[in-house]
């Protein structure tokens, strides 16, 4: 079945802790309220907002002074509250108020375990959600950077577990509690980590295990499924279907345009950016030549958006491993059920071109169990900004339910 449907994922590196206090209520801005939860455990705290597709995202800072509590989220959002008995009230630095009540956390309909597994010398730490009589499982593959299991991955894992699907989220190598370093390896090694996760779930008695990847993870998914029969089905969200280096240029262009730069400034910035991407692609060869250009552009208004990394940056050793990776050819070797999803307003990916390329490759593979989704109004992270809604990062309406329904249908 091949269908095209149009319908109306934060980084953290701290381990979980049992909550001393669970606070539940709402955050309100400009008359609009969204439900939130805050779990406080010792010197740490975590933030959950189902409407924003975030679960247990760690606060950066937690300070208590008598009845006053101060929390910092994501580096720049400050929560200043007062505790009065079983009520926490306060304001945030971005203009919201919050009122929460202390109450016991609801018991989820699944078992939750902190686990670890190995891929060679690398030990990966994660969290496994196992509902009763789970017939299938999903392993979550990371996006770019030092992603851990918290935030959006855990949100989607919770959605699936509540629909009877086991889910494993884990810290990317070199992030959180996992050993190794993602900056020193390419996509094959990260794919091997995902396959080690699948084998771990198999050993727990669940035979049918698929992959869910977003962004870089959506690119890594087909690269991994193409070379292993252990992947039973595949969900690729906002993946790249073309050379990575071309996507970097596209992302740079849209970023500059979206921040109001004039066309001639965009062209000048991209000319410089392409030069240093080619140097990075070559492992740093020619760095001196690009560095010599900096004197002529470092005072340009656009320079901070395409700034040359230092000579000792990890980028120069890492980028040659990924720059020319093109998942389009891998899709030609994917024969398992596939769900492909993009946001209509994704400014990081070339949605129409990528979707067409993936579709051609899957037809070449003779794969007819393909569902392709475009989420109306959704950005790269599959969230939307409803008109006049001050909370502009809401999970695309209907998307979590469609995800769960699709996985349940393919769990048989």
Protein backbone atom coordinates (compact mmCIF):
# COMPACT_ATOMS: atom_id res chain seq x y z
CA UNK A 1 0.00 0.00 0.00
CA UNK A 2 1.46 3.38 -1.05
CA UNK A 3 -0.30 6.45 0.26
CA UNK A 4 0.46 10.17 0.36
CA UNK A 5 -1.32 11.76 3.31
CA UNK A 6 -1.53 15.45 4.29
CA UNK A 7 -2.67 15.95 7.89
CA UNK A 8 -3.50 18.65 10.33
CA UNK A 9 12.44 16.49 18.55
CA UNK A 10 16.53 19.36 23.03
CA UNK A 11 19.74 17.98 24.15
CA UNK A 12 20.61 17.07 27.71
CA UNK A 13 23.28 15.01 29.38
CA UNK A 14 22.22 14.11 32.92
CA UNK A 15 20.96 10.78 34.28
CA UNK A 16 17.44 10.25 35.62
CA UNK A 17 16.53 10.42 39.27
CA UNK A 18 13.50 9.40 41.28
CA UNK A 19 11.33 12.45 41.86
CA UNK A 20 10.98 13.83 45.38
CA UNK A 21 8.20 16.13 44.20
CA UNK A 22 5.89 15.89 41.22
CA UNK A 23 4.20 19.15 40.26
CA UNK A 24 1.42 19.29 37.71
CA UNK A 25 -0.56 22.19 36.28
CA UNK A 26 -0.37 24.72 33.48
CA UNK A 27 1.79 27.47 32.02
CA UNK A 28 -0.12 30.47 30.63
CA UNK A 29 0.86 33.25 28.28
CA UNK A 30 -1.46 35.79 26.61
CA UNK A 31 -4.47 33.88 27.88
CA UNK A 32 -3.35 30.56 26.36
CA UNK A 33 -2.59 27.71 28.78
CA UNK A 34 -0.71 24.48 28.17
CA UNK A 35 -0.37 21.61 30.65
CA UNK A 36 3.10 21.04 32.08
CA UNK A 37 4.74 18.90 34.75
CA UNK A 38 7.90 19.50 36.77
CA UNK A 39 9.63 16.70 38.66
CA UNK A 40 12.10 17.81 41.33
CA UNK A 41 14.63 15.28 42.61
CA UNK A 42 17.39 16.40 44.95
CA UNK A 43 19.43 19.04 43.13
CA UNK A 44 17.85 18.28 39.74
CA UNK A 45 14.52 18.81 38.02
CA UNK A 46 12.84 17.82 34.77
CA UNK A 47 10.26 19.48 32.54
CA UNK A 48 7.40 17.75 30.70
CA UNK A 49 5.06 19.40 28.21
CA UNK A 50 3.00 16.91 26.17
CA UNK A 51 1.62 19.66 23.90
CA UNK A 52 5.18 20.56 22.97
CA UNK A 53 6.28 16.92 22.56
CA UNK A 54 8.76 17.12 25.46
CA UNK A 55 9.09 14.59 28.26
CA UNK A 56 11.50 14.83 31.21
CA UNK A 57 13.80 17.45 29.71
CA UNK A 58 16.38 18.34 32.39
CA UNK A 59 16.56 21.85 33.78
CA UNK A 60 20.05 23.34 33.61
CA UNK A 61 19.83 24.95 37.04
CA UNK A 62 17.78 24.28 40.16
CA UNK A 63 18.08 26.62 43.16
CA UNK A 64 15.98 26.72 46.32
CA UNK A 65 16.00 29.45 48.93
CA UNK A 66 13.33 28.89 51.53
CA UNK A 67 10.02 29.01 49.70
CA UNK A 68 11.60 30.41 46.53
CA UNK A 69 12.62 28.16 43.65
CA UNK A 70 14.60 29.17 40.55
CA UNK A 71 14.88 26.93 37.48
CA UNK A 72 16.65 27.48 34.15
CA UNK A 73 15.50 25.55 31.09
CA UNK A 74 17.32 25.27 27.77
CA UNK A 75 19.95 27.81 28.75
CA UNK A 76 17.77 30.92 28.66
CA UNK A 77 14.23 30.37 30.01
CA UNK A 78 14.07 31.16 33.72
CA UNK A 79 11.29 29.93 36.00
CA UNK A 80 10.97 31.93 39.24
CA UNK A 81 8.43 30.45 41.61
CA UNK A 82 7.17 30.49 45.18
CA UNK A 83 6.15 27.37 47.09
CA UNK A 84 3.10 27.67 49.31
CA UNK A 85 2.07 24.35 50.77
CA UNK A 86 1.17 22.12 47.84
CA UNK A 87 1.10 24.97 45.28
CA UNK A 88 3.93 26.39 43.14
CA UNK A 89 3.25 29.71 41.42
CA UNK A 90 5.54 31.93 39.43
CA UNK A 91 6.59 33.57 36.19
CA UNK A 92 9.01 32.78 33.39
CA UNK A 93 11.50 35.05 31.69
CA UNK A 94 9.60 34.78 28.40
CA UNK A 95 6.40 36.24 29.79
CA UNK A 96 4.41 33.24 31.00
CA UNK A 97 2.93 32.49 34.39
CA UNK A 98 2.65 29.02 35.88
CA UNK A 99 0.64 27.42 38.63
CA UNK A 100 1.29 23.83 39.64
CA UNK A 101 0.00 21.54 42.37
CA UNK A 102 2.05 18.89 44.13
CA UNK A 103 0.45 15.51 43.51
CA UNK A 104 1.57 11.91 42.98
CA UNK A 105 2.74 11.18 39.45
CA UNK A 106 0.39 8.99 37.45
CA UNK A 107 1.57 5.41 37.07
CA UNK A 108 2.12 4.68 33.36
CA UNK A 109 0.69 1.50 31.81
CA UNK A 110 4.12 0.06 31.13
CA UNK A 111 7.25 -1.07 32.92
CA UNK A 112 10.22 1.27 32.76
CA UNK A 113 13.82 0.05 33.07
CA UNK A 114 17.19 1.75 32.91
CA UNK A 115 19.36 -0.50 30.74
CA UNK A 116 22.74 -0.70 29.09
CA UNK A 117 24.14 -2.64 26.14
CA UNK A 118 27.39 -2.80 24.22
CA UNK A 119 28.62 -2.23 20.69
CA UNK A 120 32.22 -3.38 20.83
CA UNK A 121 34.08 -1.18 23.29
CA UNK A 122 31.23 1.32 23.53
CA UNK A 123 28.68 1.02 26.33
CA UNK A 124 25.31 2.64 25.63
CA UNK A 125 22.90 3.56 28.41
CA UNK A 126 19.19 3.94 27.85
CA UNK A 127 15.63 3.55 29.08
CA UNK A 128 13.36 0.72 27.98
CA UNK A 129 9.58 1.06 28.15
CA UNK A 130 7.79 -2.31 28.08
CA UNK A 131 3.98 -2.49 28.08
CA UNK A 132 2.27 -5.80 28.93
CA UNK A 133 2.33 -8.35 26.11
CA UNK A 134 4.34 -6.13 23.78
CA UNK A 135 4.50 -7.73 20.34
CA UNK A 136 6.88 -5.24 18.74
CA UNK A 137 9.34 -2.53 19.70
CA UNK A 138 10.85 0.66 18.33
CA UNK A 139 14.47 1.76 18.82
CA UNK A 140 14.97 5.53 18.57
CA UNK A 141 17.91 6.77 16.51
CA UNK A 142 19.43 10.17 17.32
CA UNK A 143 19.52 13.40 15.41
CA UNK A 144 22.68 15.48 15.06
CA UNK A 145 24.82 16.53 17.99
CA UNK A 146 25.10 15.03 21.49
CA UNK A 147 21.52 13.81 21.83
CA UNK A 148 20.38 11.85 24.86
CA UNK A 149 17.21 9.92 25.58
CA UNK A 150 15.28 12.85 27.11
CA UNK A 151 12.94 15.34 25.50
CA UNK A 152 11.23 14.42 22.22
CA UNK A 153 12.50 10.84 21.90
CA UNK A 154 11.09 9.96 25.30
CA UNK A 155 7.82 11.72 24.41
CA UNK A 156 7.31 9.53 21.34
CA UNK A 157 8.49 6.43 23.22
CA UNK A 158 5.81 7.10 25.84
CA UNK A 159 3.17 7.50 23.10
CA UNK A 160 4.09 4.13 21.59
CA UNK A 161 4.30 2.34 24.95
CA UNK A 162 0.78 3.53 25.79
CA UNK A 163 -0.33 1.83 22.57
CA UNK A 164 1.29 -1.50 23.47
CA UNK A 165 4.61 -1.02 21.63
CA UNK A 166 7.87 -1.36 23.57
CA UNK A 167 10.36 1.47 23.05
CA UNK A 168 14.07 1.90 23.69
CA UNK A 169 15.64 5.35 23.92
CA UNK A 170 19.33 5.65 24.68
CA UNK A 171 22.08 8.22 25.03
CA UNK A 172 24.08 8.67 21.83
CA UNK A 173 27.68 7.53 22.13
CA UNK A 174 29.64 10.26 23.89
CA UNK A 175 26.49 11.89 25.32
CA UNK A 176 24.77 11.44 28.66
CA UNK A 177 25.93 8.20 30.29
CA UNK A 178 27.11 6.48 27.10
CA UNK A 179 30.79 6.01 26.37
CA UNK A 180 32.58 6.63 23.07
CA UNK A 181 32.47 9.79 20.95
CA UNK A 182 30.09 10.44 18.05
CA UNK A 183 32.48 13.11 16.71
CA UNK A 184 35.12 10.49 15.85
CA UNK A 185 32.94 8.08 13.86
CA UNK A 186 30.73 8.06 10.78
CA UNK A 187 27.18 6.87 10.19
CA UNK A 188 28.11 3.19 9.95
CA UNK A 189 29.27 3.15 13.58
CA UNK A 190 26.15 4.99 14.73
CA UNK A 191 24.07 2.50 12.76
CA UNK A 192 25.93 -0.33 14.48
CA UNK A 193 24.92 1.21 17.81
CA UNK A 194 21.28 1.08 16.69
CA UNK A 195 21.66 -2.54 15.57
CA UNK A 196 23.17 -3.39 18.96
CA UNK A 197 20.06 -1.83 20.51
CA UNK A 198 17.84 -4.01 18.33
CA UNK A 199 19.75 -7.14 19.36
CA UNK A 200 19.35 -6.11 22.98
CA UNK A 201 15.58 -5.86 22.55
CA UNK A 202 15.51 -9.19 20.70
CA UNK A 203 17.23 -10.76 23.70
CA UNK A 204 14.34 -9.51 25.84
CA UNK A 205 11.98 -11.70 23.84
CA UNK A 206 10.59 -9.18 21.32
CA UNK A 207 11.24 -10.39 17.79
CA UNK A 208 9.85 -7.55 15.69
CA UNK A 209 11.86 -4.35 16.20
CA UNK A 210 11.87 -1.26 14.00
CA UNK A 211 13.77 2.03 13.92
CA UNK A 212 12.52 5.60 14.35
CA UNK A 213 14.91 8.37 13.37
CA UNK A 214 14.44 12.12 13.03
CA UNK A 215 16.64 14.50 10.98
CA UNK A 216 20.11 12.91 11.03
CA UNK A 217 18.38 9.87 12.52
CA UNK A 218 15.93 9.91 9.62
CA UNK A 219 18.95 9.73 7.30
CA UNK A 220 20.67 7.05 9.36
CA UNK A 221 17.55 4.83 9.37
CA UNK A 222 17.62 3.75 5.71
CA UNK A 223 21.43 3.48 5.75
CA UNK A 224 21.06 0.97 8.59
CA UNK A 225 17.98 -0.87 7.32
CA UNK A 226 19.65 -1.37 3.93
CA UNK A 227 22.42 -3.47 5.46
CA UNK A 228 20.64 -5.48 8.15
CA UNK A 229 17.68 -7.83 8.21
CA UNK A 230 17.27 -7.10 11.92
CA UNK A 231 15.26 -3.94 11.10
CA UNK A 232 11.62 -5.05 10.84
CA UNK A 233 10.15 -1.66 9.85
CA UNK A 234 11.36 1.91 9.50
CA UNK A 235 10.07 5.37 10.43
CA UNK A 236 12.13 8.14 8.83
CA UNK A 237 11.21 11.68 9.89
CA UNK A 238 12.76 14.72 8.16
CA UNK A 239 15.64 12.69 6.78
CA UNK A 240 18.11 13.90 4.15
CA UNK A 241 17.81 12.31 0.69
CA UNK A 242 20.86 13.63 -1.10
CA UNK A 243 24.50 14.43 -0.27
CA UNK A 244 24.93 15.83 3.24
CA UNK A 245 27.09 18.66 1.94
CA UNK A 246 24.27 19.87 -0.34
CA UNK A 247 21.84 19.87 2.57
CA UNK A 248 24.28 21.95 4.63
CA UNK A 249 24.29 24.62 1.91
CA UNK A 250 20.48 24.55 1.65
CA UNK A 251 20.12 24.85 5.44
CA UNK A 252 22.56 27.77 5.44
CA UNK A 253 20.66 29.57 2.68
CA UNK A 254 17.28 29.24 4.36
CA UNK A 255 18.73 30.28 7.72
CA UNK A 256 20.15 33.49 6.25
CA UNK A 257 16.96 34.25 4.31
CA UNK A 258 14.77 33.64 7.33
CA UNK A 259 16.84 36.10 9.36
CA UNK A 260 16.26 38.88 6.85
CA UNK A 261 19.54 39.05 4.94
CA UNK A 262 19.39 40.64 1.49
CA UNK A 263 19.93 38.35 -1.53
CA UNK A 264 23.42 39.72 -2.25
CA UNK A 265 24.45 39.12 1.38
CA UNK A 266 23.06 35.59 1.22
CA UNK A 267 25.06 34.92 -1.94
CA UNK A 268 28.25 36.34 -0.40
CA UNK A 269 27.81 34.33 2.78
CA UNK A 270 27.15 31.11 0.89
CA UNK A 271 30.18 31.64 -1.36
CA UNK A 272 32.35 31.76 1.76
CA UNK A 273 30.44 28.89 3.41
CA UNK A 274 30.88 26.63 0.39
CA UNK A 275 34.62 27.25 0.47
CA UNK A 276 35.01 26.15 4.05
CA UNK A 277 32.65 23.19 3.58
CA UNK A 278 34.92 21.98 0.77
CA UNK A 279 37.90 22.30 3.09
CA UNK A 280 36.04 20.39 5.80
CA UNK A 281 35.06 17.78 3.22
CA UNK A 282 38.77 17.34 2.47
CA UNK A 283 39.66 16.93 6.14
CA UNK A 284 41.11 20.43 6.54
CA UNK A 285 43.31 20.45 3.44
CA UNK A 286 43.38 24.06 2.22
CA UNK A 287 42.41 25.52 5.58
CA UNK A 288 45.05 28.26 5.33
CA UNK A 289 43.54 29.50 2.08
CA UNK A 290 40.06 29.79 3.55
CA UNK A 291 41.40 31.31 6.76
CA UNK A 292 43.07 34.02 4.66
CA UNK A 293 39.64 35.04 3.36
CA UNK A 294 38.36 35.78 6.86
CA UNK A 295 40.03 39.18 7.04
CA UNK A 296 37.86 40.33 4.15
CA UNK A 297 34.55 39.09 5.55
CA UNK A 298 34.79 38.87 9.34
CA UNK A 299 33.10 42.24 9.80
CA UNK A 300 30.24 41.45 7.42
CA UNK A 301 26.83 41.28 9.09
CA UNK A 302 26.43 37.69 7.93
CA UNK A 303 29.80 36.34 9.08
CA UNK A 304 28.60 35.08 12.47
CA UNK A 305 26.16 32.76 10.67
CA UNK A 306 28.88 31.00 8.62
CA UNK A 307 31.93 31.55 10.81
CA UNK A 308 35.00 29.43 10.11
CA UNK A 309 35.66 26.91 12.93
CA UNK A 310 39.09 26.96 14.62
CA UNK A 311 41.81 24.85 13.05
CA UNK A 312 41.70 22.41 15.99
CA UNK A 313 37.91 21.92 15.78
CA UNK A 314 36.57 18.37 15.68
CA UNK A 315 34.66 19.35 12.52
CA UNK A 316 37.70 18.88 10.27
CA UNK A 317 38.13 15.23 11.22
CA UNK A 318 34.41 14.40 11.39
CA UNK A 319 33.00 16.05 8.28
CA UNK A 320 34.86 13.92 5.68
CA UNK A 321 33.11 10.88 7.16
CA UNK A 322 29.63 12.24 6.42
CA UNK A 323 29.85 14.98 3.74
CA UNK A 324 29.27 12.72 0.73
CA UNK A 325 26.85 10.29 2.34
CA UNK A 326 23.70 10.02 0.21
CA UNK A 327 20.87 7.91 1.63
CA UNK A 328 18.98 7.87 -1.69
CA UNK A 329 20.88 4.78 -2.80
CA UNK A 330 20.30 3.08 0.55
CA UNK A 331 16.54 3.49 0.11
CA UNK A 332 16.82 1.25 -2.98
CA UNK A 333 17.78 -1.59 -0.61
CA UNK A 334 14.99 -1.07 1.92
CA UNK A 335 12.37 -3.81 1.62
CA UNK A 336 10.60 -3.50 4.99
CA UNK A 337 7.47 -1.41 5.73
CA UNK A 338 8.31 2.29 5.68
CA UNK A 339 6.74 5.44 7.13
CA UNK A 340 8.28 8.65 5.74
CA UNK A 341 7.23 11.97 7.29
CA UNK A 342 8.15 15.61 6.70
CA UNK A 343 6.87 18.95 7.92
CA UNK A 344 5.35 21.11 5.19
CA UNK A 345 7.29 24.15 6.41
CA UNK A 346 10.61 22.45 7.03
CA UNK A 347 13.30 25.05 6.22
CA UNK A 348 16.18 22.63 6.78
CA UNK A 349 15.25 19.96 4.23
CA UNK A 350 14.18 20.13 0.56
CA UNK A 351 10.93 18.36 1.35
CA UNK A 352 9.44 17.92 -2.13
CA UNK A 353 12.74 16.90 -3.73
CA UNK A 354 13.62 14.49 -0.92
CA UNK A 355 10.20 12.88 -0.86
CA UNK A 356 10.25 12.38 -4.64
CA UNK A 357 13.76 10.88 -4.50
CA UNK A 358 12.83 8.48 -1.69
CA UNK A 359 9.67 7.45 -3.54
CA UNK A 360 11.66 6.66 -6.70
CA UNK A 361 14.18 4.63 -4.72
CA UNK A 362 11.52 2.62 -2.92
CA UNK A 363 9.82 1.87 -6.23
CA UNK A 364 13.17 0.66 -7.53
CA UNK A 365 13.36 -1.60 -4.48
CA UNK A 366 9.90 -2.95 -5.28
CA UNK A 367 8.75 -1.82 -1.86
CA UNK A 368 5.00 -1.20 -1.88
CA UNK A 369 4.38 -1.03 1.88
CA UNK A 370 5.13 2.69 2.03
CA UNK A 371 3.26 5.50 3.78
CA UNK A 372 4.34 9.08 3.10
CA UNK A 373 3.13 11.93 5.32
CA UNK A 374 3.36 15.68 4.95
CA UNK A 375 2.31 17.46 8.14
CA UNK A 376 0.60 20.76 7.21
CA UNK A 377 2.23 23.81 8.72
CA UNK A 378 4.84 21.75 10.56
CA UNK A 379 8.48 22.77 10.88
CA UNK A 380 11.55 20.52 10.81
CA UNK A 381 10.90 19.23 14.33
CA UNK A 382 7.31 18.28 13.36
CA UNK A 383 5.76 21.05 15.46
CA UNK A 384 3.43 23.83 14.37
CA UNK A 385 2.87 27.46 15.36
CA UNK A 386 -0.91 28.04 15.41
CA UNK A 387 -2.03 31.62 14.65
CA UNK A 388 -2.02 33.88 17.71
CA UNK A 389 -0.68 31.06 19.89
CA UNK A 390 2.11 32.38 22.13
CA UNK A 391 3.40 28.83 22.61
CA UNK A 392 4.71 28.38 19.09
CA UNK A 393 6.13 24.89 19.44
CA UNK A 394 3.16 22.50 19.47
CA UNK A 395 3.34 18.93 18.22
CA UNK A 396 1.61 18.68 14.83
CA UNK A 397 -2.08 17.80 15.40
CA UNK A 398 -2.77 14.12 14.86
CA UNK A 399 0.85 13.15 14.26
CA UNK A 400 1.51 11.14 17.47
CA UNK A 401 -1.72 9.20 16.97
CA UNK A 402 -0.90 8.47 13.32
CA UNK A 403 2.57 7.30 14.35
CA UNK A 404 1.14 4.94 16.96
CA UNK A 405 -1.55 3.61 14.62
CA UNK A 406 0.99 2.92 11.89
CA UNK A 407 3.36 1.06 14.22
CA UNK A 408 0.53 -0.96 15.76
CA UNK A 409 -0.64 -1.96 12.27
CA UNK A 410 2.89 -3.12 11.38
CA UNK A 411 3.53 -4.87 14.68
CA UNK A 412 1.66 -7.94 13.50
